[in-house]
Amino acid sequence: MTNKEIADVLFEVAILMDLKGENPFRSRAYQNAARQIETLDRDVKDLLESGELSGIRGIGKGMSDNIAELVTTGTLRLYDDLKASIPAGLLDMLGIPGLGPKRIRIIHEQLGAETLEDLEAACREDRLSGLAGFGAKTQANVMAGIESLKRSRGLYLSC
């Protein structure tokens, strides 16, 4: 695995943790580790073999063990478990501008929305604007984002 691929998985773990409502400090640790790996000028595999990876700022023993699992097996059990525990529709909502993991978790917990269709129905019924931190403008922007996603579904650029 390349450093970029490893960093991408760690960023996704952080997003999944935020969607699930896990400890924000733990989520931030994965974001920080991903940023460190992105900026490395050496291959993570080399750093693992030399034992230097856990000496990098933001990468302790636990994170180093997770990265080692990712490098040696190509998968990370934590990532797989988190992904399996979250409805796929919540991940689709990440494509809507202005909706990050924390807002999506609020929508899921308070409105029970698990799909884009659920979210669209909540907007059409004017339920989204009733949530704390959401208003009519946010609801309109979410609807516009849903419409944009619906238009772009199935369209692929061919090279």
C-alpha atoms as a PDB file:
ATOM      1  CA  MET A   1       0.000   0.000   0.000  1.00  0.00           C
ATOM      2  CA  THR A   2       1.132   3.513  -0.742  1.00  0.00           C
ATOM      3  CA  ASN A   3       1.297   6.244   1.862  1.00  0.00           C
ATOM      4  CA  LYS A   4      -1.675   7.928   0.161  1.00  0.00           C
ATOM      5  CA  GLU A   5      -3.786   4.767   0.334  1.00  0.00           C
ATOM      6  CA  ILE A   6      -2.959   4.318   4.017  1.00  0.00           C
ATOM      7  CA  ALA A   7      -3.785   7.960   4.747  1.00  0.00           C
ATOM      8  CA  ASP A   8      -7.086   7.648   2.852  1.00  0.00           C
ATOM      9  CA  VAL A   9      -8.145   4.683   5.006  1.00  0.00           C
ATOM     10  CA  LEU A  10      -7.211   6.530   8.197  1.00  0.00           C
ATOM     11  CA  PHE A  11      -9.190   9.599   7.077  1.00  0.00           C
ATOM     12  CA  GLU A  12     -12.182   7.349   6.373  1.00  0.00           C
ATOM     13  CA  VAL A  13     -11.866   5.738   9.809  1.00  0.00           C
ATOM     14  CA  ALA A  14     -12.057   9.237  11.335  1.00  0.00           C
ATOM     15  CA  ILE A  15     -15.167  10.064   9.283  1.00  0.00           C
ATOM     16  CA  LEU A  16     -16.835   6.781  10.229  1.00  0.00           C
ATOM     17  CA  MET A  17     -16.046   7.409  13.897  1.00  0.00           C
ATOM     18  CA  ASP A  18     -17.637  10.859  13.651  1.00  0.00           C
ATOM     19  CA  LEU A  19     -20.706   9.382  11.953  1.00  0.00           C
ATOM     20  CA  LYS A  20     -20.988   6.846  14.744  1.00  0.00           C
ATOM     21  CA  GLY A  21     -20.516   9.468  17.460  1.00  0.00           C
ATOM     22  CA  GLU A  22     -17.363   7.978  18.920  1.00  0.00           C
ATOM     23  CA  ASN A  23     -14.859   9.863  21.032  1.00  0.00           C
ATOM     24  CA  PRO A  24     -13.854  12.984  19.048  1.00  0.00           C
ATOM     25  CA  PHE A  25     -10.283  12.817  20.377  1.00  0.00           C
ATOM     26  CA  ARG A  26      -9.909   9.323  18.938  1.00  0.00           C
ATOM     27  CA  SER A  27     -11.290  10.486  15.597  1.00  0.00           C
ATOM     28  CA  ARG A  28      -8.896  13.429  15.592  1.00  0.00           C
ATOM     29  CA  ALA A  29      -5.996  11.052  16.297  1.00  0.00           C
ATOM     30  CA  TYR A  30      -6.788   9.193  13.066  1.00  0.00           C
ATOM     31  CA  GLN A  31      -7.017  12.478  11.141  1.00  0.00           C
ATOM     32  CA  ASN A  32      -3.682  13.624  12.528  1.00  0.00           C
ATOM     33  CA  ALA A  33      -2.005  10.302  11.750  1.00  0.00           C
ATOM     34  CA  ALA A  34      -3.371  10.435   8.199  1.00  0.00           C
ATOM     35  CA  ARG A  35      -1.969  13.939   7.723  1.00  0.00           C
ATOM     36  CA  GLN A  36       1.428  12.845   9.036  1.00  0.00           C
ATOM     37  CA  ILE A  37       1.522   9.886   6.657  1.00  0.00           C
ATOM     38  CA  GLU A  38       0.513  12.075   3.713  1.00  0.00           C
ATOM     39  CA  THR A  39       3.485  14.338   4.290  1.00  0.00           C
ATOM     40  CA  LEU A  40       6.116  11.641   4.839  1.00  0.00           C
ATOM     41  CA  ASP A  41       9.003  11.585   2.412  1.00  0.00           C
ATOM     42  CA  ARG A  42       9.664   7.905   3.166  1.00  0.00           C
ATOM     43  CA  ASP A  43       7.556   4.834   2.545  1.00  0.00           C
ATOM     44  CA  VAL A  44       5.499   3.722   5.561  1.00  0.00           C
ATOM     45  CA  LYS A  45       6.552   0.127   4.989  1.00  0.00           C
ATOM     46  CA  ASP A  46      10.216   1.106   5.398  1.00  0.00           C
ATOM     47  CA  LEU A  47       9.425   3.009   8.588  1.00  0.00           C
ATOM     48  CA  LEU A  48       7.546  -0.003   9.950  1.00  0.00           C
ATOM     49  CA  GLU A  49      10.410  -2.363   9.193  1.00  0.00           C
ATOM     50  CA  SER A  50      12.941  -0.072  10.841  1.00  0.00           C
ATOM     51  CA  GLY A  51      10.690   0.504  13.874  1.00  0.00           C
ATOM     52  CA  GLU A  52      10.672   4.268  13.290  1.00  0.00           C
ATOM     53  CA  LEU A  53       6.953   4.675  12.561  1.00  0.00           C
ATOM     54  CA  SER A  54       5.826   4.908  16.179  1.00  0.00           C
ATOM     55  CA  GLY A  55       8.407   7.641  16.730  1.00  0.00           C
ATOM     56  CA  ILE A  56       6.627  10.006  14.370  1.00  0.00           C
ATOM     57  CA  ARG A  57       4.591  12.718  16.079  1.00  0.00           C
ATOM     58  CA  GLY A  58       0.940  11.658  16.282  1.00  0.00           C
ATOM     59  CA  ILE A  59       1.624   7.985  15.657  1.00  0.00           C
ATOM     60  CA  GLY A  60       1.845   5.997  18.859  1.00  0.00           C
ATOM     61  CA  LYS A  61       2.020   2.260  19.385  1.00  0.00           C
ATOM     62  CA  GLY A  62      -1.705   1.633  18.863  1.00  0.00           C
ATOM     63  CA  MET A  63      -1.825   3.646  15.662  1.00  0.00           C
ATOM     64  CA  SER A  64       1.391   2.014  14.502  1.00  0.00           C
ATOM     65  CA  ASP A  65      -0.181  -1.416  15.089  1.00  0.00           C
ATOM     66  CA  ASN A  66      -3.231  -0.414  13.020  1.00  0.00           C
ATOM     67  CA  ILE A  67      -1.020   0.858  10.212  1.00  0.00           C
ATOM     68  CA  ALA A  68       1.033  -2.360  10.348  1.00  0.00           C
ATOM     69  CA  GLU A  69      -2.182  -4.391  10.006  1.00  0.00           C
ATOM     70  CA  LEU A  70      -3.168  -2.274   7.034  1.00  0.00           C
ATOM     71  CA  VAL A  71       0.231  -2.600   5.357  1.00  0.00           C
ATOM     72  CA  THR A  72       0.630  -6.348   5.930  1.00  0.00           C
ATOM     73  CA  THR A  73      -2.940  -7.505   5.245  1.00  0.00           C
ATOM     74  CA  GLY A  74      -4.272  -4.748   3.015  1.00  0.00           C
ATOM     75  CA  THR A  75      -7.238  -4.284   5.344  1.00  0.00           C
ATOM     76  CA  LEU A  76      -7.959  -2.838   8.747  1.00  0.00           C
ATOM     77  CA  ARG A  77     -10.454  -4.712  10.910  1.00  0.00           C
ATOM     78  CA  LEU A  78     -11.461  -1.491  12.710  1.00  0.00           C
ATOM     79  CA  TYR A  79     -12.306   0.141   9.370  1.00  0.00           C
ATOM     80  CA  ASP A  80     -14.304  -2.896   8.203  1.00  0.00           C
ATOM     81  CA  ASP A  81     -16.234  -3.081  11.498  1.00  0.00           C
ATOM     82  CA  LEU A  82     -17.046   0.636  11.467  1.00  0.00           C
ATOM     83  CA  LYS A  83     -18.150   0.553   7.836  1.00  0.00           C
ATOM     84  CA  ALA A  84     -20.398  -2.451   8.480  1.00  0.00           C
ATOM     85  CA  SER A  85     -22.033  -0.734  11.470  1.00  0.00           C
ATOM     86  CA  ILE A  86     -23.122   2.388   9.569  1.00  0.00           C
ATOM     87  CA  PRO A  87     -25.998   2.470   7.064  1.00  0.00           C
ATOM     88  CA  ALA A  88     -24.608   2.971   3.560  1.00  0.00           C
ATOM     89  CA  GLY A  89     -27.034   5.834   2.965  1.00  0.00           C
ATOM     90  CA  LEU A  90     -25.262   7.930   5.584  1.00  0.00           C
ATOM     91  CA  LEU A  91     -22.081   7.676   3.535  1.00  0.00           C
ATOM     92  CA  ASP A  92     -24.028   8.844   0.475  1.00  0.00           C
ATOM     93  CA  MET A  93     -25.076  11.946   2.430  1.00  0.00           C
ATOM     94  CA  LEU A  94     -21.424  12.969   2.681  1.00  0.00           C
ATOM     95  CA  GLY A  95     -21.711  13.988  -0.984  1.00  0.00           C
ATOM     96  CA  ILE A  96     -24.055  16.824  -0.052  1.00  0.00           C
ATOM     97  CA  PRO A  97     -22.192  20.129   0.341  1.00  0.00           C
ATOM     98  CA  GLY A  98     -22.486  21.505   3.858  1.00  0.00           C
ATOM     99  CA  LEU A  99     -23.205  18.144   5.474  1.00  0.00           C
ATOM    100  CA  GLY A 100     -20.311  16.654   7.360  1.00  0.00           C
ATOM    101  CA  PRO A 101     -20.242  13.564   9.554  1.00  0.00           C
ATOM    102  CA  LYS A 102     -21.432  15.344  12.700  1.00  0.00           C
ATOM    103  CA  ARG A 103     -24.462  16.921  11.031  1.00  0.00           C
ATOM    104  CA  ILE A 104     -25.324  13.647   9.317  1.00  0.00           C
ATOM    105  CA  ARG A 105     -25.214  11.871  12.686  1.00  0.00           C
ATOM    106  CA  ILE A 106     -27.659  14.455  14.099  1.00  0.00           C
ATOM    107  CA  ILE A 107     -29.978  13.945  11.121  1.00  0.00           C
ATOM    108  CA  HIS A 108     -29.794  10.182  11.541  1.00  0.00           C
ATOM    109  CA  GLU A 109     -30.335  10.230  15.304  1.00  0.00           C
ATOM    110  CA  GLN A 110     -33.085  12.853  15.435  1.00  0.00           C
ATOM    111  CA  LEU A 111     -34.960  12.206  12.192  1.00  0.00           C
ATOM    112  CA  GLY A 112     -34.127   8.540  11.636  1.00  0.00           C
ATOM    113  CA  ALA A 113     -32.955   9.296   8.097  1.00  0.00           C
ATOM    114  CA  GLU A 114     -30.764   6.497   6.740  1.00  0.00           C
ATOM    115  CA  THR A 115     -30.919   7.198   3.009  1.00  0.00           C
ATOM    116  CA  LEU A 116     -30.926  10.171   0.668  1.00  0.00           C
ATOM    117  CA  GLU A 117     -34.602   9.466   0.075  1.00  0.00           C
ATOM    118  CA  ASP A 118     -35.301   9.688   3.826  1.00  0.00           C
ATOM    119  CA  LEU A 119     -33.413  12.966   3.978  1.00  0.00           C
ATOM    120  CA  GLU A 120     -35.261  14.330   0.962  1.00  0.00           C
ATOM    121  CA  ALA A 121     -38.604  13.412   2.557  1.00  0.00           C
ATOM    122  CA  ALA A 122     -37.562  15.140   5.793  1.00  0.00           C
ATOM    123  CA  CYS A 123     -36.723  18.291   3.812  1.00  0.00           C
ATOM    124  CA  ARG A 124     -39.983  18.193   1.853  1.00  0.00           C
ATOM    125  CA  GLU A 125     -41.900  17.802   5.143  1.00  0.00           C
ATOM    126  CA  ASP A 126     -39.932  20.742   6.613  1.00  0.00           C
ATOM    127  CA  ARG A 127     -38.521  18.611   9.446  1.00  0.00           C
ATOM    128  CA  LEU A 128     -34.826  19.345   8.823  1.00  0.00           C
ATOM    129  CA  SER A 129     -35.175  23.057   9.500  1.00  0.00           C
ATOM    130  CA  GLY A 130     -36.628  22.237  12.919  1.00  0.00           C
ATOM    131  CA  LEU A 131     -33.414  20.672  14.170  1.00  0.00           C
ATOM    132  CA  ALA A 132     -31.101  22.719  16.354  1.00  0.00           C
ATOM    133  CA  GLY A 133     -28.356  24.237  14.210  1.00  0.00           C
ATOM    134  CA  PHE A 134     -30.345  23.766  11.007  1.00  0.00           C
ATOM    135  CA  GLY A 135     -32.582  26.362   9.441  1.00  0.00           C
ATOM    136  CA  ALA A 136     -34.565  27.062   6.300  1.00  0.00           C
ATOM    137  CA  LYS A 137     -31.429  28.041   4.376  1.00  0.00           C
ATOM    138  CA  THR A 138     -29.627  24.834   5.362  1.00  0.00           C
ATOM    139  CA  GLN A 139     -32.686  22.808   4.399  1.00  0.00           C
ATOM    140  CA  ALA A 140     -32.813  24.512   0.986  1.00  0.00           C
ATOM    141  CA  ASN A 141     -29.093  23.886   0.466  1.00  0.00           C
ATOM    142  CA  VAL A 142     -29.501  20.224   1.408  1.00  0.00           C
ATOM    143  CA  MET A 143     -32.381  19.862  -1.069  1.00  0.00           C
ATOM    144  CA  ALA A 144     -30.261  21.465  -3.782  1.00  0.00           C
ATOM    145  CA  GLY A 145     -27.425  19.053  -2.920  1.00  0.00           C
ATOM    146  CA  ILE A 146     -29.758  16.062  -3.095  1.00  0.00           C
ATOM    147  CA  GLU A 147     -31.063  17.217  -6.488  1.00  0.00           C
ATOM    148  CA  SER A 148     -27.494  17.625  -7.724  1.00  0.00           C
ATOM    149  CA  LEU A 149     -26.567  14.127  -6.536  1.00  0.00           C
ATOM    150  CA  LYS A 150     -29.656  12.650  -8.183  1.00  0.00           C
ATOM    151  CA  ARG A 151     -28.780  14.340 -11.487  1.00  0.00           C
ATOM    152  CA  SER A 152     -25.193  13.103 -11.376  1.00  0.00           C
ATOM    153  CA  ARG A 153     -26.013   9.490 -10.449  1.00  0.00           C
ATOM    154  CA  GLY A 154     -25.174   7.176 -13.255  1.00  0.00           C
ATOM    155  CA  LEU A 155     -23.154   9.783 -15.127  1.00  0.00           C
ATOM    156  CA  TYR A 156     -19.496   8.884 -15.537  1.00  0.00           C
ATOM    157  CA  LEU A 157     -16.716  10.622 -17.376  1.00  0.00           C
ATOM    158  CA  SER A 158     -15.176   8.458 -20.041  1.00  0.00           C
ATOM    159  CA  CYS A 159     -11.518   8.816 -20.817  1.00  0.00           C
END
